[in-house]
């Protein structure tokens, strides 16, 4: 895995685009968000992945994820989708 892009988020944290290893010629990358200011995460916890794409070229996959990474509203929407999916996986815990 290689980090292709990072930027700080307003209010702390950062967004990162990471290239994923592949042996089949398909290019894969993901967009993750670290919402915490501190660099260390608790053991066993990973950054939320709000988008993951694959395609025939590294540039095409990067360009699509970059459009999300530079847009704070798109990032917020991605985090909301990630949180909703997590709640569904947990059987609706934390609903208000």
N, C-alpha and C. Protein backbone atom coordinates (compact mmCIF):
# COMPACT_ATOMS: atom_id res chain seq x y z
N UNK A 1 0.85 -1.17 0.00
CA UNK A 1 0.00 0.00 0.00
C UNK A 1 0.90 1.24 0.00
N UNK A 2 0.55 2.21 -0.84
CA UNK A 2 1.31 3.45 -0.93
C UNK A 2 0.35 4.63 -0.83
N UNK A 3 0.73 5.63 -0.08
CA UNK A 3 -0.07 6.84 0.06
C UNK A 3 0.18 7.70 -1.18
N UNK A 4 -0.90 8.03 -1.88
CA UNK A 4 -0.80 8.83 -3.10
C UNK A 4 -1.09 10.31 -2.85
N UNK A 5 -1.90 10.59 -1.82
CA UNK A 5 -2.32 11.97 -1.56
C UNK A 5 -2.81 12.09 -0.13
N UNK A 6 -2.50 13.19 0.52
CA UNK A 6 -3.07 13.51 1.83
C UNK A 6 -3.30 15.01 1.90
N UNK A 7 -4.26 15.38 2.72
CA UNK A 7 -4.45 16.80 3.05
C UNK A 7 -5.14 16.88 4.40
N UNK A 8 -4.84 17.97 5.10
CA UNK A 8 -5.47 18.21 6.39
C UNK A 8 -6.90 18.66 6.19
N UNK A 9 -7.74 18.31 7.15
CA UNK A 9 -9.14 18.72 7.12
C UNK A 9 -9.35 19.90 8.05
N UNK A 10 -10.31 20.76 7.73
CA UNK A 10 -10.63 21.86 8.63
C UNK A 10 -11.05 21.29 9.99
N UNK A 11 -10.52 21.82 11.05
CA UNK A 11 -10.91 21.35 12.38
C UNK A 11 -10.12 20.15 12.86
N UNK A 12 -9.19 19.67 12.06
CA UNK A 12 -8.33 18.56 12.47
C UNK A 12 -8.56 17.31 11.67
N UNK A 13 -7.60 16.43 11.74
CA UNK A 13 -7.65 15.19 11.00
C UNK A 13 -7.13 15.38 9.59
N UNK A 14 -7.26 14.32 8.79
CA UNK A 14 -6.78 14.38 7.42
C UNK A 14 -7.52 13.37 6.56
N UNK A 15 -7.37 13.52 5.26
CA UNK A 15 -7.92 12.59 4.28
C UNK A 15 -6.72 12.02 3.51
N UNK A 16 -6.82 10.74 3.12
CA UNK A 16 -5.71 10.10 2.40
C UNK A 16 -6.23 9.21 1.29
N UNK A 17 -5.54 9.25 0.15
CA UNK A 17 -5.79 8.30 -0.94
C UNK A 17 -4.62 7.33 -0.92
N UNK A 18 -4.95 6.04 -0.86
CA UNK A 18 -3.92 5.01 -0.80
C UNK A 18 -4.11 4.02 -1.94
N UNK A 19 -3.02 3.70 -2.61
CA UNK A 19 -3.03 2.68 -3.64
C UNK A 19 -2.96 1.32 -2.96
N UNK A 20 -3.76 0.37 -3.43
CA UNK A 20 -3.79 -0.97 -2.84
C UNK A 20 -3.03 -1.93 -3.74
N UNK A 21 -2.33 -2.86 -3.15
CA UNK A 21 -1.56 -3.85 -3.90
C UNK A 21 -2.48 -4.71 -4.76
N UNK A 22 -1.99 -5.06 -5.94
CA UNK A 22 -2.77 -5.89 -6.85
C UNK A 22 -1.83 -6.69 -7.75
N UNK A 23 -2.15 -7.96 -7.91
CA UNK A 23 -1.36 -8.82 -8.79
C UNK A 23 -2.09 -9.13 -10.10
N UNK A 24 -3.32 -8.61 -10.26
CA UNK A 24 -4.12 -8.98 -11.42
C UNK A 24 -4.21 -7.89 -12.49
N UNK A 25 -3.41 -6.83 -12.36
CA UNK A 25 -3.41 -5.77 -13.37
C UNK A 25 -4.50 -4.74 -13.20
N UNK A 26 -5.39 -4.94 -12.22
CA UNK A 26 -6.45 -3.97 -11.94
C UNK A 26 -5.91 -3.01 -10.88
N UNK A 27 -6.12 -1.73 -11.10
CA UNK A 27 -5.64 -0.72 -10.17
C UNK A 27 -6.73 -0.44 -9.13
N UNK A 28 -6.34 -0.49 -7.86
CA UNK A 28 -7.29 -0.27 -6.77
C UNK A 28 -6.73 0.79 -5.83
N UNK A 29 -7.63 1.61 -5.31
CA UNK A 29 -7.24 2.63 -4.34
C UNK A 29 -8.43 2.91 -3.44
N UNK A 30 -8.12 3.48 -2.27
CA UNK A 30 -9.19 3.82 -1.35
C UNK A 30 -8.95 5.20 -0.76
N UNK A 31 -10.04 5.78 -0.31
CA UNK A 31 -10.02 7.10 0.32
C UNK A 31 -10.44 6.91 1.77
N UNK A 32 -9.56 7.26 2.68
CA UNK A 32 -9.87 7.12 4.10
C UNK A 32 -9.79 8.48 4.78
N UNK A 33 -10.46 8.56 5.92
CA UNK A 33 -10.53 9.82 6.66
C UNK A 33 -10.12 9.57 8.10
N UNK A 34 -9.18 10.36 8.58
CA UNK A 34 -8.82 10.35 9.99
C UNK A 34 -9.42 11.60 10.60
N UNK A 35 -10.39 11.40 11.46
CA UNK A 35 -11.11 12.55 12.04
C UNK A 35 -10.46 13.05 13.32
N UNK A 36 -9.47 12.35 13.82
CA UNK A 36 -8.82 12.72 15.08
C UNK A 36 -7.62 13.62 14.81
N UNK A 37 -7.32 14.47 15.78
CA UNK A 37 -6.15 15.32 15.65
C UNK A 37 -4.86 14.58 15.95
N UNK A 38 -4.92 13.64 16.88
CA UNK A 38 -3.70 12.92 17.24
C UNK A 38 -3.35 11.89 16.17
N UNK A 39 -2.08 11.58 16.07
CA UNK A 39 -1.62 10.66 15.03
C UNK A 39 -1.90 9.21 15.36
N UNK A 40 -1.89 8.87 16.63
CA UNK A 40 -2.07 7.47 17.04
C UNK A 40 -3.54 7.12 17.17
N UNK A 41 -3.89 5.95 16.68
CA UNK A 41 -5.24 5.41 16.85
C UNK A 41 -5.17 4.35 17.93
N UNK A 42 -6.31 4.06 18.51
CA UNK A 42 -6.35 2.97 19.48
C UNK A 42 -6.05 1.67 18.75
N UNK A 43 -5.42 0.74 19.45
CA UNK A 43 -5.11 -0.56 18.86
C UNK A 43 -6.36 -1.21 18.30
N UNK A 44 -6.25 -1.74 17.08
CA UNK A 44 -7.37 -2.46 16.47
C UNK A 44 -8.35 -1.58 15.73
N UNK A 45 -8.15 -0.28 15.74
CA UNK A 45 -9.07 0.63 15.06
C UNK A 45 -8.40 1.19 13.82
N UNK A 46 -9.13 1.15 12.70
CA UNK A 46 -8.61 1.69 11.46
C UNK A 46 -9.41 2.91 11.05
N UNK A 47 -8.81 3.73 10.20
CA UNK A 47 -9.51 4.92 9.70
C UNK A 47 -10.71 4.49 8.87
N UNK A 48 -11.79 5.25 8.93
CA UNK A 48 -12.95 4.95 8.08
C UNK A 48 -12.58 5.07 6.60
N UNK A 49 -12.94 4.07 5.81
CA UNK A 49 -12.75 4.10 4.36
C UNK A 49 -14.09 4.52 3.77
N UNK A 50 -14.11 5.70 3.14
CA UNK A 50 -15.38 6.22 2.62
C UNK A 50 -15.56 5.97 1.13
N UNK A 51 -14.50 5.54 0.46
CA UNK A 51 -14.61 5.18 -0.97
C UNK A 51 -13.48 4.24 -1.33
N UNK A 52 -13.79 3.28 -2.19
CA UNK A 52 -12.79 2.36 -2.69
C UNK A 52 -13.14 2.07 -4.14
N UNK A 53 -12.18 2.25 -5.02
CA UNK A 53 -12.43 2.10 -6.46
C UNK A 53 -11.39 1.20 -7.10
N UNK A 54 -11.76 0.66 -8.25
CA UNK A 54 -10.81 -0.08 -9.08
C UNK A 54 -11.05 0.30 -10.52
N UNK A 55 -10.00 0.20 -11.32
CA UNK A 55 -10.11 0.54 -12.73
C UNK A 55 -8.90 0.07 -13.50
N UNK A 56 -8.92 0.35 -14.80
CA UNK A 56 -7.86 -0.14 -15.68
C UNK A 56 -6.60 0.72 -15.63
N UNK A 57 -6.71 1.94 -15.08
CA UNK A 57 -5.52 2.79 -14.97
C UNK A 57 -5.45 3.44 -13.60
N UNK A 58 -4.24 3.57 -13.12
CA UNK A 58 -4.02 4.20 -11.81
C UNK A 58 -4.51 5.65 -11.83
N UNK A 59 -4.28 6.34 -12.95
CA UNK A 59 -4.68 7.75 -13.06
C UNK A 59 -6.19 7.92 -12.96
N UNK A 60 -6.95 7.06 -13.62
CA UNK A 60 -8.41 7.17 -13.59
C UNK A 60 -8.96 6.95 -12.19
N UNK A 61 -8.42 5.95 -11.50
CA UNK A 61 -8.86 5.67 -10.14
C UNK A 61 -8.49 6.83 -9.22
N UNK A 62 -7.26 7.32 -9.34
CA UNK A 62 -6.82 8.44 -8.52
C UNK A 62 -7.67 9.68 -8.77
N UNK A 63 -7.92 10.00 -10.05
CA UNK A 63 -8.69 11.21 -10.39
C UNK A 63 -10.07 11.19 -9.74
N UNK A 64 -10.73 10.05 -9.77
CA UNK A 64 -12.07 9.94 -9.20
C UNK A 64 -12.02 10.13 -7.68
N UNK A 65 -11.08 9.50 -7.02
CA UNK A 65 -10.97 9.65 -5.57
C UNK A 65 -10.50 11.05 -5.18
N UNK A 66 -9.66 11.65 -6.01
CA UNK A 66 -9.19 13.01 -5.75
C UNK A 66 -10.34 14.01 -5.74
N UNK A 67 -11.30 13.83 -6.65
CA UNK A 67 -12.47 14.72 -6.69
C UNK A 67 -13.21 14.72 -5.35
N UNK A 68 -13.26 13.57 -4.71
CA UNK A 68 -13.90 13.47 -3.40
C UNK A 68 -12.99 14.07 -2.33
N UNK A 69 -11.71 13.75 -2.39
CA UNK A 69 -10.75 14.14 -1.35
C UNK A 69 -10.62 15.65 -1.19
N UNK A 70 -10.82 16.40 -2.26
CA UNK A 70 -10.66 17.86 -2.18
C UNK A 70 -11.97 18.57 -1.87
N UNK A 71 -13.06 17.83 -1.73
CA UNK A 71 -14.40 18.40 -1.52
C UNK A 71 -14.88 18.06 -0.10
N UNK A 72 -14.87 19.05 0.78
CA UNK A 72 -15.26 18.82 2.18
C UNK A 72 -16.69 18.30 2.31
N UNK A 73 -17.59 18.74 1.46
CA UNK A 73 -18.97 18.27 1.51
C UNK A 73 -19.04 16.80 1.10
N UNK A 74 -18.31 16.42 0.06
CA UNK A 74 -18.28 15.02 -0.37
C UNK A 74 -17.69 14.14 0.73
N UNK A 75 -16.70 14.62 1.43
CA UNK A 75 -16.11 13.87 2.54
C UNK A 75 -17.14 13.70 3.65
N UNK A 76 -17.84 14.77 3.99
CA UNK A 76 -18.87 14.69 5.04
C UNK A 76 -19.96 13.68 4.65
N UNK A 77 -20.38 13.69 3.39
CA UNK A 77 -21.37 12.72 2.93
C UNK A 77 -20.84 11.29 3.03
N UNK A 78 -19.58 11.11 2.66
CA UNK A 78 -18.96 9.79 2.76
C UNK A 78 -18.90 9.30 4.19
N UNK A 79 -18.58 10.18 5.11
CA UNK A 79 -18.55 9.80 6.53
C UNK A 79 -19.94 9.44 7.01
N UNK A 80 -20.96 10.19 6.59
CA UNK A 80 -22.34 9.87 6.99
C UNK A 80 -22.77 8.52 6.45
N UNK A 81 -22.42 8.20 5.20
CA UNK A 81 -22.74 6.88 4.63
C UNK A 81 -22.00 5.78 5.39
N UNK A 82 -20.74 6.02 5.72
CA UNK A 82 -19.95 5.05 6.46
C UNK A 82 -20.57 4.80 7.84
N UNK A 83 -20.98 5.87 8.52
CA UNK A 83 -21.60 5.73 9.84
C UNK A 83 -22.92 4.97 9.75
N UNK A 84 -23.72 5.27 8.74
CA UNK A 84 -25.01 4.58 8.57
C UNK A 84 -24.80 3.08 8.30
N UNK A 85 -23.83 2.76 7.47
CA UNK A 85 -23.53 1.35 7.17
C UNK A 85 -23.06 0.63 8.44
N UNK A 86 -22.27 1.31 9.22
CA UNK A 86 -21.78 0.72 10.47
C UNK A 86 -22.93 0.45 11.44
N UNK A 87 -23.87 1.38 11.51
CA UNK A 87 -25.03 1.18 12.39
C UNK A 87 -25.87 0.00 11.91
N UNK A 88 -26.04 -0.13 10.58
CA UNK A 88 -26.80 -1.27 10.06
C UNK A 88 -26.10 -2.59 10.40
N UNK A 89 -24.77 -2.60 10.28
CA UNK A 89 -24.01 -3.81 10.60
C UNK A 89 -24.16 -4.19 12.07
N UNK A 90 -24.30 -3.20 12.92
CA UNK A 90 -24.44 -3.43 14.36
C UNK A 90 -25.89 -3.65 14.77
N UNK A 91 -26.76 -3.70 13.81
CA UNK A 91 -28.16 -3.93 14.12
C UNK A 91 -28.92 -2.71 14.61
N UNK A 92 -28.45 -1.53 14.19
CA UNK A 92 -29.17 -0.30 14.52
C UNK A 92 -28.81 0.31 15.86
N UNK A 93 -27.74 -0.17 16.50
CA UNK A 93 -27.34 0.43 17.77
C UNK A 93 -27.06 1.90 17.58
N UNK A 94 -27.39 2.67 18.58
CA UNK A 94 -27.08 4.09 18.55
C UNK A 94 -28.07 4.93 17.79
N UNK A 95 -29.21 4.35 17.36
CA UNK A 95 -30.21 5.16 16.66
C UNK A 95 -30.83 6.13 17.62
N UNK A 96 -31.19 7.28 17.09
CA UNK A 96 -31.87 8.29 17.93
C UNK A 96 -33.29 8.44 17.51
